[in-house]
């Protein structure tokens, strides 16, 4: 996914419509943008030090997301 300022108007509208209809996709889009921003701003700095955490975040099939939804009663 390109940075938001590089999306065409059509792609931007389409992504917004899809995100409006599916909270999971909206959350995925937002988290992807946040991760991309962190990686761009760090330019990879300190990734080796935190590689285990990065690898776990990208590969493990679970996160605190389901727990948060259950504990707050939101879904």
N, C-alpha and C. Protein backbone atom coordinates (compact mmCIF):
# COMPACT_ATOMS: atom_id res chain seq x y z
N UNK A 1 0.86 -1.16 0.00
CA UNK A 1 0.00 0.00 0.00
C UNK A 1 0.91 1.23 0.00
N UNK A 2 0.68 2.15 -0.92
CA UNK A 2 1.50 3.35 -0.94
C UNK A 2 1.13 4.28 0.22
N UNK A 3 1.98 5.24 0.50
CA UNK A 3 1.64 6.23 1.52
C UNK A 3 0.33 6.92 1.15
N UNK A 4 -0.44 7.37 2.15
CA UNK A 4 -1.74 7.99 1.87
C UNK A 4 -1.69 9.12 0.85
N UNK A 5 -0.62 9.91 0.87
CA UNK A 5 -0.54 11.03 -0.06
C UNK A 5 -0.21 10.59 -1.48
N UNK A 6 0.08 9.31 -1.68
CA UNK A 6 0.38 8.80 -3.02
C UNK A 6 -0.76 7.95 -3.59
N UNK A 7 -1.84 7.80 -2.85
CA UNK A 7 -3.00 7.07 -3.36
C UNK A 7 -3.74 7.95 -4.37
N UNK A 8 -4.26 7.32 -5.41
CA UNK A 8 -5.12 8.07 -6.33
C UNK A 8 -6.41 8.41 -5.60
N UNK A 9 -7.14 9.38 -6.12
CA UNK A 9 -8.42 9.74 -5.50
C UNK A 9 -9.36 8.54 -5.47
N UNK A 10 -9.38 7.79 -6.55
CA UNK A 10 -10.25 6.61 -6.63
C UNK A 10 -9.84 5.57 -5.59
N UNK A 11 -8.55 5.30 -5.47
CA UNK A 11 -8.07 4.33 -4.48
C UNK A 11 -8.35 4.79 -3.07
N UNK A 12 -8.18 6.07 -2.82
CA UNK A 12 -8.43 6.62 -1.49
C UNK A 12 -9.90 6.47 -1.10
N UNK A 13 -10.79 6.79 -2.02
CA UNK A 13 -12.23 6.66 -1.76
C UNK A 13 -12.60 5.19 -1.56
N UNK A 14 -12.07 4.32 -2.40
CA UNK A 14 -12.36 2.89 -2.28
C UNK A 14 -11.87 2.33 -0.94
N UNK A 15 -10.65 2.69 -0.56
CA UNK A 15 -10.11 2.22 0.71
C UNK A 15 -10.96 2.72 1.88
N UNK A 16 -11.41 3.97 1.80
CA UNK A 16 -12.24 4.53 2.87
C UNK A 16 -13.58 3.80 2.96
N UNK A 17 -14.19 3.52 1.81
CA UNK A 17 -15.47 2.80 1.81
C UNK A 17 -15.32 1.40 2.41
N UNK A 18 -14.25 0.71 2.03
CA UNK A 18 -14.01 -0.63 2.57
C UNK A 18 -13.76 -0.55 4.08
N UNK A 19 -12.95 0.42 4.49
CA UNK A 19 -12.63 0.58 5.91
C UNK A 19 -13.87 0.92 6.72
N UNK A 20 -14.76 1.73 6.14
CA UNK A 20 -15.99 2.09 6.84
C UNK A 20 -16.89 0.89 7.07
N UNK A 21 -16.82 -0.09 6.20
CA UNK A 21 -17.69 -1.26 6.30
C UNK A 21 -17.10 -2.39 7.13
N UNK A 22 -15.79 -2.33 7.37
CA UNK A 22 -15.15 -3.44 8.08
C UNK A 22 -14.13 -2.90 9.09
N UNK A 23 -14.46 -2.90 10.37
CA UNK A 23 -13.54 -2.37 11.38
C UNK A 23 -12.18 -3.08 11.40
N UNK A 24 -12.18 -4.37 11.07
CA UNK A 24 -10.91 -5.11 11.06
C UNK A 24 -9.98 -4.58 9.97
N UNK A 25 -10.54 -4.28 8.81
CA UNK A 25 -9.72 -3.73 7.73
C UNK A 25 -9.26 -2.33 8.10
N UNK A 26 -10.15 -1.54 8.69
CA UNK A 26 -9.77 -0.19 9.12
C UNK A 26 -8.61 -0.25 10.11
N UNK A 27 -8.68 -1.18 11.05
CA UNK A 27 -7.60 -1.33 12.03
C UNK A 27 -6.31 -1.79 11.35
N UNK A 28 -6.43 -2.71 10.40
CA UNK A 28 -5.25 -3.20 9.68
C UNK A 28 -4.59 -2.07 8.89
N UNK A 29 -5.39 -1.26 8.23
CA UNK A 29 -4.86 -0.12 7.47
C UNK A 29 -4.12 0.83 8.41
N UNK A 30 -4.74 1.15 9.54
CA UNK A 30 -4.12 2.09 10.48
C UNK A 30 -2.82 1.52 11.05
N UNK A 31 -2.83 0.26 11.46
CA UNK A 31 -1.62 -0.34 12.02
C UNK A 31 -0.51 -0.45 10.98
N UNK A 32 -0.89 -0.75 9.75
CA UNK A 32 0.11 -0.82 8.67
C UNK A 32 0.74 0.54 8.44
N UNK A 33 -0.07 1.58 8.46
CA UNK A 33 0.46 2.94 8.29
C UNK A 33 1.37 3.33 9.45
N UNK A 34 0.98 2.96 10.66
CA UNK A 34 1.82 3.27 11.82
C UNK A 34 3.15 2.55 11.75
N UNK A 35 3.12 1.27 11.39
CA UNK A 35 4.36 0.51 11.27
C UNK A 35 5.25 1.10 10.18
N UNK A 36 4.66 1.42 9.05
CA UNK A 36 5.43 2.01 7.95
C UNK A 36 6.07 3.33 8.38
N UNK A 37 5.31 4.14 9.10
CA UNK A 37 5.86 5.42 9.57
C UNK A 37 7.02 5.20 10.53
N UNK A 38 6.87 4.23 11.43
CA UNK A 38 7.97 3.95 12.37
C UNK A 38 9.21 3.49 11.62
N UNK A 39 9.03 2.59 10.67
CA UNK A 39 10.18 2.07 9.94
C UNK A 39 10.84 3.13 9.08
N UNK A 40 10.04 4.00 8.47
CA UNK A 40 10.61 5.07 7.65
C UNK A 40 11.35 6.07 8.52
N UNK A 41 10.74 6.45 9.62
CA UNK A 41 11.37 7.45 10.49
C UNK A 41 12.63 6.91 11.16
N UNK A 42 12.64 5.64 11.49
CA UNK A 42 13.82 5.05 12.10
C UNK A 42 14.87 4.70 11.05
N UNK A 43 14.40 4.53 9.82
CA UNK A 43 15.26 4.10 8.72
C UNK A 43 16.02 2.82 9.10
N UNK A 44 15.33 1.96 9.84
CA UNK A 44 15.94 0.69 10.21
C UNK A 44 16.83 0.77 11.44
N UNK A 45 17.05 1.97 11.95
CA UNK A 45 17.90 2.15 13.12
C UNK A 45 17.34 1.33 14.29
N UNK A 46 18.18 0.63 14.95
CA UNK A 46 17.85 -0.16 16.14
C UNK A 46 16.97 -1.38 15.85
N UNK A 47 16.68 -1.68 14.59
CA UNK A 47 15.88 -2.87 14.31
C UNK A 47 16.61 -4.14 14.71
N UNK A 48 17.91 -4.17 14.54
CA UNK A 48 18.66 -5.37 14.93
C UNK A 48 18.54 -5.60 16.44
N UNK A 49 18.58 -4.54 17.20
CA UNK A 49 18.45 -4.68 18.65
C UNK A 49 17.08 -5.22 19.02
N UNK A 50 16.05 -4.80 18.30
CA UNK A 50 14.68 -5.19 18.61
C UNK A 50 14.15 -6.27 17.66
N UNK A 51 15.06 -6.94 16.95
CA UNK A 51 14.65 -7.87 15.92
C UNK A 51 13.71 -8.96 16.44
N UNK A 52 13.95 -9.49 17.63
CA UNK A 52 13.08 -10.54 18.16
C UNK A 52 11.65 -10.04 18.30
N UNK A 53 11.49 -8.82 18.77
CA UNK A 53 10.15 -8.26 18.93
C UNK A 53 9.49 -8.01 17.57
N UNK A 54 10.25 -7.50 16.63
CA UNK A 54 9.72 -7.25 15.28
C UNK A 54 9.30 -8.57 14.64
N UNK A 55 10.16 -9.57 14.74
CA UNK A 55 9.87 -10.88 14.15
C UNK A 55 8.62 -11.49 14.79
N UNK A 56 8.51 -11.40 16.10
CA UNK A 56 7.34 -11.94 16.79
C UNK A 56 6.07 -11.23 16.35
N UNK A 57 6.15 -9.91 16.25
CA UNK A 57 4.99 -9.13 15.84
C UNK A 57 4.52 -9.52 14.44
N UNK A 58 5.46 -9.78 13.56
CA UNK A 58 5.11 -10.10 12.18
C UNK A 58 4.70 -11.55 11.97
N UNK A 59 5.13 -12.45 12.84
CA UNK A 59 4.91 -13.87 12.56
C UNK A 59 3.97 -14.59 13.51
N UNK A 60 3.81 -14.13 14.72
CA UNK A 60 2.96 -14.86 15.66
C UNK A 60 1.48 -14.68 15.31
N UNK A 61 0.69 -15.73 15.46
CA UNK A 61 -0.72 -15.67 15.06
C UNK A 61 -1.62 -15.00 16.09
N UNK A 62 -1.06 -14.43 17.12
CA UNK A 62 -1.90 -13.82 18.15
C UNK A 62 -1.29 -12.49 18.58
N UNK A 63 -2.14 -11.68 19.19
CA UNK A 63 -1.70 -10.40 19.73
C UNK A 63 -2.62 -10.04 20.87
N UNK A 64 -2.48 -8.86 21.42
CA UNK A 64 -3.37 -8.44 22.50
C UNK A 64 -4.70 -7.95 21.96
N UNK A 65 -4.85 -7.85 20.64
CA UNK A 65 -6.09 -7.36 20.04
C UNK A 65 -7.33 -8.13 20.48
N UNK A 66 -7.35 -9.46 20.35
CA UNK A 66 -8.53 -10.21 20.78
C UNK A 66 -8.82 -10.05 22.27
N UNK A 67 -7.79 -9.99 23.08
CA UNK A 67 -7.99 -9.82 24.51
C UNK A 67 -8.62 -8.47 24.79
N UNK A 68 -8.15 -7.42 24.12
CA UNK A 68 -8.70 -6.09 24.33
C UNK A 68 -10.18 -6.05 23.94
N UNK A 69 -10.53 -6.65 22.83
CA UNK A 69 -11.92 -6.65 22.39
C UNK A 69 -12.80 -7.38 23.40
N UNK A 70 -12.30 -8.49 23.93
CA UNK A 70 -13.06 -9.26 24.91
C UNK A 70 -13.16 -8.52 26.23
N UNK A 71 -12.07 -7.93 26.67
CA UNK A 71 -12.06 -7.30 27.99
C UNK A 71 -12.86 -6.00 28.02
N UNK A 72 -13.02 -5.34 26.86
CA UNK A 72 -13.77 -4.09 26.84
C UNK A 72 -15.20 -4.29 26.38
N UNK A 73 -15.50 -5.51 25.95
CA UNK A 73 -16.84 -5.80 25.48
C UNK A 73 -17.13 -5.28 24.09
N UNK A 74 -16.12 -4.75 23.41
CA UNK A 74 -16.34 -4.22 22.06
C UNK A 74 -16.02 -5.28 21.02
N UNK A 75 -16.72 -5.24 19.94
CA UNK A 75 -16.48 -6.15 18.80
C UNK A 75 -17.08 -5.55 17.58
